Amino acid sequence: MESNNDDRGGGGAVHRFLWYDRGFLLLWGGQSLSLLADAAVRIVVLIWVYQRTRSGVAVSLVGLAEAVPLLLLGPLAGVFVDRWSRAATMAGAALARALLLGLLVVAPGHATLALIVLVILLANAASQFFQPAATAAVPVVLGPARAGQANGLLALVTGGIAVTVPGPAALLFAAAGPRRTLALLALLYLLAAPLLARVPARRVHRGDGPRTAFVDELREGLGYVRRSRLLRGIAVVTGLTMLGIGALSVLDVVFVTRALHLPVATAGVLFTAMGAGEAVGSVLVSLMHGRLRRHYHQVLSLAVLANGLCNVAYAGAPTLVVAALLMGGVGLSLPAIAVASTTLVQRATDDRVMGRVVGVIGTISSVAMIASTVGGGVLVDRVGVRVVIGGAATLLVVAALVAYALLWTLPLSVTSFGASFLDASGQDARHPGVKRTVDR
């Protein structure tokens, strides 16, 4: 397993070194292709299902097929991610998704709704192995000191995909039809697999002792989060944040029609504004890594607060122009939230349990987001869209205050795995009573 743990100066210097790092280029390229395919497949499948059934229930089944693996496989997949090579896990997940899309391409006649839902269910199950492995691979390839910069560049890809993919994916579906479109997207996964397989993030060294039981390894991951002051704080903040963001993510169309009394297509202006803000935010986070790398616990608090305040103002927006500007602010804060929380987990978690920790926190995030999405949809017809958005935004402000209380004062230093939060005497702030030595 190769690792580079050095800290090479400011953000610009680190940025240049990243692009010369072969391991990062392989990871960045493979993950970008995979994320591009993920986003396009979701758009194509939703259009295809609605075109065939004209049923909102059928479309919701696709959403359910996406959500179920998040809830059931998160911590379980993390155990295997920590057992297996991270590179092989990512490559295998990409190949699995390519093969699953192939089932829809070669299915005789018209693919049934049941087959489509099953394929999406299994593809998202594969994704539950891919994401923890990709998150765990970043500090292995680059070292924890450069994880934030790498996460910023990966967030830039995510933001760009959110802005650019939906339109072309829909046009490709209209021009080529579902089978040819899915065949092209399967090819993206096939192109990603060999890149990911060559990422220098192999199996975690687990010592020479006998392998522990699956349940014991799962408990170890849960216990690691429970015992860590930092990770407990991130789990709480993540849950509260997703309780707010979940409802907000599905109410823009309702807001445009019921609050602003405009045509439903006008919601595209809000989506574009938020996507543009997210792209700008990704660039800023990446460029400012040199200044932020010792303050990600504080960045998380401030970014969640900014997101909440923008949404509070958005709830009362009187015009489309004001709403779009505020959505730009919401998008601007999203990369900082994602990069700060991911980087903190990467820096403060031992490599041997990284997959399980990512899985646990990801499951908490997913449960909160699904609960918020369902609850927001139910409440909007009873109390009005502005009230629901305002309530969800208030939850974000509360999450920011909790982040301030739990994380703001934790001392942060850029070191190696499992030694990121130390006080001046070497006391581990994540695990009171544990002394660690740190190479500075």
Protein backbone atom coordinates (compact mmCIF):
# COMPACT_ATOMS: atom_id res chain seq x y z
CA MET A 1 0.00 0.00 0.00
CA GLU A 2 1.49 3.29 -1.06
CA SER A 3 0.95 6.42 0.94
CA ASN A 4 2.20 9.96 0.85
CA ASN A 5 1.61 11.83 4.07
CA ASP A 6 3.60 14.97 3.55
CA ASP A 7 2.25 18.45 3.77
CA ARG A 8 3.67 20.57 0.99
CA GLY A 9 2.84 24.12 1.78
CA GLY A 10 -0.11 26.19 0.69
CA GLY A 11 -3.14 25.33 -1.38
CA GLY A 12 -1.63 26.30 -4.73
CA ALA A 13 1.47 24.21 -4.16
CA VAL A 14 -0.56 21.22 -3.06
CA HIS A 15 -2.84 21.73 -6.07
CA ARG A 16 0.12 21.44 -8.46
CA PHE A 17 1.45 18.35 -6.72
CA LEU A 18 -1.95 16.65 -6.94
CA TRP A 19 -2.00 16.85 -10.71
CA TYR A 20 1.46 15.23 -10.82
CA ASP A 21 0.34 12.41 -8.53
CA ARG A 22 -0.41 9.34 -10.63
CA GLY A 23 -2.49 7.71 -7.92
CA PHE A 24 -4.71 10.76 -7.57
CA LEU A 25 -5.17 11.07 -11.33
CA LEU A 26 -6.30 7.45 -11.52
CA LEU A 27 -8.72 7.93 -8.61
CA TRP A 28 -9.98 11.28 -9.89
CA GLY A 29 -10.50 10.00 -13.43
CA GLY A 30 -12.19 6.77 -12.44
CA GLN A 31 -14.43 8.38 -9.84
CA SER A 32 -15.38 11.20 -12.25
CA LEU A 33 -16.47 8.70 -14.93
CA SER A 34 -18.43 6.72 -12.35
CA LEU A 35 -20.16 9.81 -10.94
CA LEU A 36 -21.01 10.99 -14.45
CA ALA A 37 -22.58 7.64 -15.25
CA ASP A 38 -24.48 7.59 -11.91
CA ALA A 39 -26.07 10.99 -12.54
CA ALA A 40 -27.00 10.25 -16.14
CA VAL A 41 -28.44 6.81 -15.34
CA ARG A 42 -30.72 8.33 -12.72
CA ILE A 43 -32.10 10.91 -15.17
CA VAL A 44 -32.55 8.36 -17.96
CA VAL A 45 -34.26 5.77 -15.78
CA LEU A 46 -36.67 8.30 -14.25
CA ILE A 47 -37.65 9.56 -17.73
CA TRP A 48 -37.96 6.02 -19.07
CA VAL A 49 -40.15 4.80 -16.23
CA TYR A 50 -42.45 7.80 -16.39
CA GLN A 51 -42.66 7.62 -20.18
CA ARG A 52 -43.71 3.98 -20.01
CA THR A 53 -46.11 4.15 -17.06
CA ARG A 54 -47.24 7.78 -16.69
CA SER A 55 -47.37 6.94 -13.00
CA GLY A 56 -45.96 8.89 -10.09
CA VAL A 57 -46.10 5.70 -8.02
CA ALA A 58 -43.82 3.95 -10.52
CA VAL A 59 -41.33 6.81 -10.34
CA SER A 60 -41.42 6.65 -6.55
CA LEU A 61 -40.51 2.95 -6.77
CA VAL A 62 -37.28 3.97 -8.49
CA GLY A 63 -36.61 6.36 -5.62
CA LEU A 64 -37.31 3.56 -3.16
CA ALA A 65 -34.90 1.27 -5.02
CA GLU A 66 -32.25 3.96 -4.53
CA ALA A 67 -33.00 4.43 -0.84
CA VAL A 68 -33.27 0.83 0.40
CA PRO A 69 -29.58 -0.07 -0.16
CA LEU A 70 -28.56 3.12 1.64
CA LEU A 71 -30.46 2.03 4.72
CA LEU A 72 -29.61 -1.68 4.72
CA LEU A 73 -26.07 -1.94 3.41
CA GLY A 74 -24.16 1.10 4.72
CA PRO A 75 -22.43 -0.30 7.83
CA LEU A 76 -22.44 -3.87 6.41
CA ALA A 77 -20.64 -2.83 3.24
CA GLY A 78 -18.09 -0.94 5.32
CA VAL A 79 -16.92 -4.21 6.92
CA PHE A 80 -16.08 -5.65 3.51
CA VAL A 81 -14.47 -2.40 2.35
CA ASP A 82 -12.10 -2.67 5.31
CA ARG A 83 -11.36 -6.31 4.46
CA TRP A 84 -10.83 -5.90 0.72
CA SER A 85 -8.54 -3.87 -1.48
CA ARG A 86 -10.10 -0.41 -1.90
CA ALA A 87 -8.96 -0.31 -5.53
CA ALA A 88 -10.48 -3.71 -6.33
CA THR A 89 -13.70 -2.78 -4.52
CA MET A 90 -14.14 0.40 -6.57
CA ALA A 91 -13.34 -1.37 -9.82
CA GLY A 92 -15.65 -4.27 -8.98
CA ALA A 93 -18.52 -1.91 -8.14
CA ALA A 94 -18.06 -0.12 -11.48
CA LEU A 95 -18.03 -3.42 -13.39
CA ALA A 96 -21.11 -4.64 -11.50
CA ARG A 97 -23.06 -1.53 -12.49
CA ALA A 98 -22.00 -1.90 -16.12
CA LEU A 99 -23.20 -5.52 -16.18
CA LEU A 100 -26.49 -4.61 -14.52
CA LEU A 101 -27.20 -1.91 -17.09
CA GLY A 102 -26.41 -4.52 -19.72
CA LEU A 103 -29.38 -6.55 -18.49
CA LEU A 104 -31.67 -3.67 -19.45
CA VAL A 105 -29.94 -3.26 -22.80
CA VAL A 106 -30.29 -6.91 -23.86
CA ALA A 107 -33.66 -7.67 -22.20
CA PRO A 108 -36.00 -9.15 -24.84
CA GLY A 109 -38.89 -6.89 -25.83
CA HIS A 110 -39.59 -4.04 -23.43
CA ALA A 111 -37.94 -4.21 -20.02
CA THR A 112 -40.61 -4.58 -17.37
CA LEU A 113 -40.95 -2.10 -14.52
CA ALA A 114 -40.02 -4.89 -12.11
CA LEU A 115 -36.74 -5.54 -13.98
CA ILE A 116 -35.88 -1.84 -14.09
CA VAL A 117 -36.50 -1.43 -10.36
CA LEU A 118 -34.49 -4.59 -9.58
CA VAL A 119 -31.53 -3.38 -11.67
CA ILE A 120 -31.57 0.05 -9.96
CA LEU A 121 -31.80 -1.65 -6.56
CA LEU A 122 -28.76 -3.82 -7.27
CA ALA A 123 -26.81 -0.98 -8.90
CA ASN A 124 -27.32 1.18 -5.83
CA ALA A 125 -26.29 -1.76 -3.66
CA ALA A 126 -22.99 -1.79 -5.58
CA SER A 127 -22.68 1.95 -4.96
CA GLN A 128 -22.73 1.32 -1.20
CA PHE A 129 -19.42 -0.50 -1.62
CA PHE A 130 -17.99 2.06 -4.04
CA GLN A 131 -18.44 5.23 -1.99
CA PRO A 132 -16.82 4.09 1.29
CA ALA A 133 -13.94 2.58 -0.69
CA ALA A 134 -13.43 5.83 -2.61
CA THR A 135 -13.56 7.91 0.57
CA ALA A 136 -11.09 5.58 2.29
CA ALA A 137 -8.76 5.62 -0.73
CA VAL A 138 -8.13 9.39 -0.71
CA PRO A 139 -5.98 9.60 2.45
CA VAL A 140 -4.22 6.34 1.52
CA VAL A 141 -3.20 7.67 -1.89
CA LEU A 142 -2.35 11.23 -0.86
CA GLY A 143 -1.96 11.25 2.90
CA PRO A 144 -4.36 12.97 5.30
CA ALA A 145 -2.59 16.32 4.87
CA ARG A 146 -3.77 16.56 1.27
CA ALA A 147 -7.17 14.90 1.63
CA GLY A 148 -9.02 18.22 1.83
CA GLN A 149 -7.56 19.47 -1.44
CA ALA A 150 -8.42 16.20 -3.17
CA ASN A 151 -11.95 16.30 -1.79
CA GLY A 152 -12.31 19.85 -3.10
CA LEU A 153 -11.35 18.76 -6.61
CA LEU A 154 -13.73 15.81 -6.43
CA ALA A 155 -16.49 18.17 -5.22
CA LEU A 156 -15.77 20.32 -8.27
CA VAL A 157 -16.57 17.32 -10.46
CA THR A 158 -19.76 16.64 -8.52
CA GLY A 159 -20.87 20.26 -8.84
CA GLY A 160 -20.11 20.33 -12.54
CA ILE A 161 -22.04 17.12 -13.12
CA ALA A 162 -25.07 18.49 -11.25
CA VAL A 163 -25.16 21.49 -13.62
CA THR A 164 -24.26 19.89 -16.93
CA VAL A 165 -25.55 16.30 -17.00
CA PRO A 166 -29.39 16.44 -16.69
CA GLY A 167 -30.02 18.31 -19.96
CA PRO A 168 -27.69 16.28 -22.21
CA ALA A 169 -28.84 13.01 -20.61
CA ALA A 170 -32.47 13.85 -21.41
CA LEU A 171 -31.56 14.86 -24.99
CA LEU A 172 -29.58 11.67 -25.51
CA PHE A 173 -32.54 9.64 -24.27
CA ALA A 174 -34.82 11.41 -26.73
CA ALA A 175 -32.43 10.95 -29.65
CA ALA A 176 -31.08 7.43 -29.06
CA GLY A 177 -33.73 5.77 -26.93
CA PRO A 178 -33.28 4.06 -23.55
CA ARG A 179 -31.31 0.99 -24.64
CA ARG A 180 -28.62 2.77 -26.63
CA THR A 181 -28.34 5.47 -23.98
CA LEU A 182 -27.87 2.92 -21.20
CA ALA A 183 -25.33 1.04 -23.35
CA LEU A 184 -23.25 4.24 -23.64
CA LEU A 185 -23.50 4.81 -19.89
CA ALA A 186 -22.44 1.22 -19.20
CA LEU A 187 -19.37 1.99 -21.31
CA LEU A 188 -18.49 4.83 -18.90
CA TYR A 189 -18.44 2.34 -16.03
CA LEU A 190 -16.28 -0.01 -18.10
CA LEU A 191 -13.82 2.81 -18.79
CA ALA A 192 -13.73 3.71 -15.09
CA ALA A 193 -12.98 0.17 -13.88
CA PRO A 194 -9.37 -0.23 -15.14
CA LEU A 195 -8.45 3.23 -13.84
CA LEU A 196 -9.84 2.44 -10.40
CA ALA A 197 -8.19 -0.99 -10.32
CA ARG A 198 -4.78 0.70 -10.64
CA VAL A 199 -5.30 3.15 -7.76
CA PRO A 200 -2.57 2.50 -5.14
CA ALA A 201 -5.03 1.74 -2.32
CA ARG A 202 -4.79 -1.93 -1.59
CA ARG A 203 -6.02 -4.13 1.24
CA VAL A 204 -5.57 -2.77 4.76
CA HIS A 205 -2.88 -4.56 6.74
CA ARG A 206 -4.71 -6.39 9.52
CA GLY A 207 -1.85 -8.17 11.25
CA ASP A 208 -1.10 -11.88 11.41
CA GLY A 209 -3.83 -12.91 13.83
CA PRO A 210 -7.01 -14.79 12.88
CA ARG A 211 -9.76 -12.87 11.15
CA THR A 212 -12.47 -11.74 13.52
CA ALA A 213 -16.13 -12.53 12.94
CA PHE A 214 -18.22 -10.26 10.74
CA VAL A 215 -20.45 -9.19 13.62
CA ASP A 216 -17.43 -8.38 15.77
CA GLU A 217 -15.97 -6.21 13.00
CA LEU A 218 -19.30 -4.43 12.59
CA ARG A 219 -19.42 -3.77 16.34
CA GLU A 220 -15.86 -2.48 16.22
CA GLY A 221 -16.84 0.12 13.63
CA LEU A 222 -19.89 1.22 15.59
CA GLY A 223 -17.84 1.34 18.79
CA TYR A 224 -15.14 3.39 17.12
CA VAL A 225 -17.70 6.07 16.25
CA ARG A 226 -19.30 5.89 19.69
CA ARG A 227 -15.98 6.32 21.52
CA SER A 228 -14.75 9.18 19.34
CA ARG A 229 -15.74 12.66 20.47
CA LEU A 230 -15.12 14.01 16.98
CA LEU A 231 -16.95 11.30 15.07
CA ARG A 232 -19.91 11.42 17.44
CA GLY A 233 -20.11 15.14 16.81
CA ILE A 234 -19.93 14.70 13.03
CA ALA A 235 -22.63 12.00 13.17
CA VAL A 236 -24.97 14.28 15.16
CA VAL A 237 -24.29 17.30 12.96
CA THR A 238 -24.70 15.24 9.79
CA GLY A 239 -28.02 13.83 10.96
CA LEU A 240 -29.40 17.25 11.86
CA THR A 241 -28.13 18.77 8.61
CA MET A 242 -29.72 16.07 6.49
CA LEU A 243 -33.01 16.46 8.37
CA GLY A 244 -33.04 20.00 7.02
CA ILE A 245 -31.60 19.44 3.55
CA GLY A 246 -33.78 16.41 2.79
CA ALA A 247 -37.04 18.36 2.83
CA LEU A 248 -35.52 21.34 1.06
CA SER A 249 -34.18 19.23 -1.80
CA VAL A 250 -37.65 18.34 -3.11
CA LEU A 251 -39.68 21.49 -2.48
CA ASP A 252 -38.37 23.93 -5.07
CA VAL A 253 -41.00 23.01 -7.65
CA VAL A 254 -43.74 23.39 -5.05
CA PHE A 255 -42.26 26.73 -3.93
CA VAL A 256 -42.30 28.12 -7.46
CA THR A 257 -45.90 27.14 -8.13
CA ARG A 258 -47.53 27.77 -4.74
CA ALA A 259 -45.45 30.57 -3.22
CA LEU A 260 -44.37 32.53 -6.30
CA HIS A 261 -47.37 31.52 -8.47
CA LEU A 262 -45.21 30.85 -11.53
CA PRO A 263 -45.20 28.00 -14.09
CA VAL A 264 -43.57 24.79 -12.94
CA ALA A 265 -40.86 25.07 -15.61
CA THR A 266 -39.57 28.17 -13.81
CA ALA A 267 -38.09 25.88 -11.18
CA GLY A 268 -35.30 25.28 -13.67
CA VAL A 269 -34.02 28.77 -12.87
CA LEU A 270 -33.60 27.80 -9.20
CA PHE A 271 -31.88 24.51 -10.07
CA THR A 272 -29.47 26.32 -12.37
CA ALA A 273 -28.72 28.99 -9.76
CA MET A 274 -28.00 26.41 -7.09
CA GLY A 275 -25.85 24.37 -9.47
CA ALA A 276 -23.85 27.46 -10.43
CA GLY A 277 -23.34 28.31 -6.77
CA GLU A 278 -22.21 24.76 -6.07
CA ALA A 279 -19.68 24.90 -8.91
CA VAL A 280 -18.25 28.20 -7.62
CA GLY A 281 -18.17 26.85 -4.07
CA SER A 282 -16.24 23.78 -5.22
CA VAL A 283 -13.61 25.95 -6.90
CA LEU A 284 -13.25 28.15 -3.82
CA VAL A 285 -12.89 25.22 -1.43
CA SER A 286 -10.25 23.68 -3.65
CA LEU A 287 -8.26 26.90 -4.08
CA MET A 288 -8.45 27.82 -0.37
CA HIS A 289 -7.21 24.47 0.92
CA GLY A 290 -3.99 26.01 2.20
CA ARG A 291 -5.94 28.29 4.53
CA LEU A 292 -8.68 25.86 5.45
CA ARG A 293 -6.77 22.66 6.11
CA ARG A 294 -6.40 23.32 9.84
CA HIS A 295 -9.92 24.67 10.28
CA TYR A 296 -12.29 22.19 8.66
CA HIS A 297 -14.16 21.63 11.94
CA GLN A 298 -14.89 25.38 12.01
CA VAL A 299 -15.62 25.51 8.27
CA LEU A 300 -18.33 22.88 8.79
CA SER A 301 -20.09 24.98 11.42
CA LEU A 302 -19.96 28.17 9.33
CA ALA A 303 -21.02 26.47 6.08
CA VAL A 304 -24.06 24.82 7.68
CA LEU A 305 -24.99 28.16 9.27
CA ALA A 306 -24.69 29.97 5.92
CA ASN A 307 -26.84 27.32 4.26
CA GLY A 308 -29.49 27.60 6.96
CA LEU A 309 -29.63 31.41 6.86
CA CYS A 310 -29.90 31.44 3.06
CA ASN A 311 -32.78 28.99 3.27
CA VAL A 312 -34.49 31.03 6.01
CA ALA A 313 -34.39 34.03 3.67
CA TYR A 314 -35.44 31.84 0.73
CA ALA A 315 -38.58 30.79 2.58
CA GLY A 316 -39.72 34.42 2.49
CA ALA A 317 -38.41 35.32 -0.99
CA PRO A 318 -40.94 37.58 -2.75
CA THR A 319 -39.71 37.15 -6.34
CA LEU A 320 -37.98 34.62 -8.56
CA VAL A 321 -34.87 36.80 -8.83
CA VAL A 322 -34.45 36.98 -5.05
CA ALA A 323 -35.13 33.24 -4.72
CA ALA A 324 -32.52 32.45 -7.40
CA LEU A 325 -29.87 34.59 -5.70
CA LEU A 326 -30.51 32.85 -2.39
CA MET A 327 -30.37 29.45 -4.08
CA GLY A 328 -26.97 30.44 -5.42
CA GLY A 329 -25.91 31.06 -1.82
CA VAL A 330 -27.27 27.67 -0.78
CA GLY A 331 -25.29 25.98 -3.54
CA LEU A 332 -22.17 27.94 -2.61
CA SER A 333 -22.15 26.43 0.89
CA LEU A 334 -22.79 22.80 -0.11
CA PRO A 335 -19.24 21.90 -1.24
CA ALA A 336 -17.79 23.32 1.98
CA ILE A 337 -20.16 21.13 4.03
CA ALA A 338 -19.32 18.01 2.02
CA VAL A 339 -15.56 18.58 1.88
CA ALA A 340 -15.22 19.61 5.53
CA SER A 341 -17.19 16.66 6.92
CA THR A 342 -15.51 14.11 4.63
CA THR A 343 -12.02 15.42 5.33
CA LEU A 344 -12.57 15.43 9.10
CA VAL A 345 -13.66 11.80 9.00
CA GLN A 346 -10.69 10.84 6.82
CA ARG A 347 -8.19 12.59 9.06
CA ALA A 348 -9.56 11.36 12.37
CA THR A 349 -10.24 7.71 11.53
CA ASP A 350 -7.73 4.88 11.50
CA ASP A 351 -7.37 3.33 8.07
CA ARG A 352 -8.29 -0.14 9.34
CA VAL A 353 -11.87 0.99 10.21
CA MET A 354 -12.36 3.74 7.62
CA GLY A 355 -14.93 1.84 5.55
CA ARG A 356 -17.06 1.02 8.56
CA VAL A 357 -16.96 4.56 9.93
CA VAL A 358 -17.93 6.02 6.55
CA GLY A 359 -20.74 3.47 6.31
CA VAL A 360 -22.11 4.28 9.77
CA ILE A 361 -22.14 8.04 9.20
CA GLY A 362 -23.51 7.57 5.67
CA THR A 363 -26.38 5.48 7.04
CA ILE A 364 -27.24 8.14 9.63
CA SER A 365 -27.23 10.72 6.84
CA SER A 366 -29.46 8.59 4.62
CA VAL A 367 -32.02 7.82 7.32
CA ALA A 368 -32.28 11.50 8.24
CA MET A 369 -32.60 12.61 4.63
CA ILE A 370 -35.28 10.05 3.76
CA ALA A 371 -37.27 10.91 6.90
CA SER A 372 -37.02 14.61 6.08
CA THR A 373 -38.03 14.10 2.45
CA VAL A 374 -41.11 12.08 3.41
CA GLY A 375 -42.03 14.40 6.29
CA GLY A 376 -41.63 17.52 4.17
CA GLY A 377 -43.87 16.09 1.46
CA VAL A 378 -46.61 15.32 3.99
CA LEU A 379 -46.41 18.65 5.84
CA VAL A 380 -46.34 20.90 2.78
CA ASP A 381 -50.02 20.23 2.02
CA ARG A 382 -51.01 20.93 5.62
CA VAL A 383 -49.04 23.99 6.68
CA GLY A 384 -47.78 25.49 3.42
CA VAL A 385 -44.49 25.39 1.55
CA ARG A 386 -43.00 28.55 3.10
CA VAL A 387 -43.55 27.21 6.62
CA VAL A 388 -41.97 23.84 5.79
CA ILE A 389 -38.94 25.46 4.14
CA GLY A 390 -38.57 27.83 7.08
CA GLY A 391 -38.76 24.95 9.55
CA ALA A 392 -36.19 22.89 7.65
CA ALA A 393 -33.91 25.94 7.45
CA THR A 394 -34.24 26.41 11.21
CA LEU A 395 -33.04 22.82 11.68
CA LEU A 396 -29.93 23.75 9.69
CA VAL A 397 -29.27 26.71 11.96
CA VAL A 398 -29.64 24.39 14.96
CA ALA A 399 -27.21 21.95 13.31
CA ALA A 400 -24.69 24.78 12.92
CA LEU A 401 -25.01 25.70 16.60
CA VAL A 402 -24.55 22.05 17.59
CA ALA A 403 -21.47 21.88 15.35
CA TYR A 404 -20.11 24.96 17.09
CA ALA A 405 -20.70 23.45 20.51
CA LEU A 406 -19.25 20.02 19.68
CA LEU A 407 -16.48 20.72 17.20
CA TRP A 408 -15.36 24.35 17.21
CA THR A 409 -12.80 24.14 20.00
CA LEU A 410 -11.26 20.78 19.04
CA PRO A 411 -7.55 21.32 18.25
CA LEU A 412 -6.66 20.22 14.74
CA SER A 413 -3.25 19.35 13.38
CA VAL A 414 -2.34 17.88 10.00
CA THR A 415 -0.79 14.51 10.74
CA SER A 416 -1.19 10.86 9.86
CA PHE A 417 -4.10 8.47 10.27
CA GLY A 418 -5.71 8.39 13.68
CA ALA A 419 -3.74 11.31 15.16
CA SER A 420 -5.47 14.38 13.76
CA PHE A 421 -6.92 15.78 16.97
CA LEU A 422 -4.35 16.25 19.68
CA ASP A 423 -3.89 18.74 22.43
CA ALA A 424 -0.56 20.35 23.23
CA SER A 425 0.52 17.46 25.47
CA GLY A 426 -0.25 14.79 22.88
CA GLN A 427 -3.59 13.83 24.40
CA ASP A 428 -5.99 12.53 21.77
CA ALA A 429 -9.09 14.74 21.90
CA ARG A 430 -11.08 12.06 20.09
CA HIS A 431 -10.28 9.38 22.69
CA PRO A 432 -9.56 10.83 26.16
CA GLY A 433 -6.85 8.95 28.00
CA VAL A 434 -5.01 7.86 24.83
CA LYS A 435 -1.53 9.25 24.15
CA ARG A 436 -0.16 9.32 20.62
CA THR A 437 3.08 10.46 19.06
CA VAL A 438 2.94 12.63 15.98
CA ASP A 439 5.51 13.28 13.29
CA ARG A 440 5.49 16.99 12.58
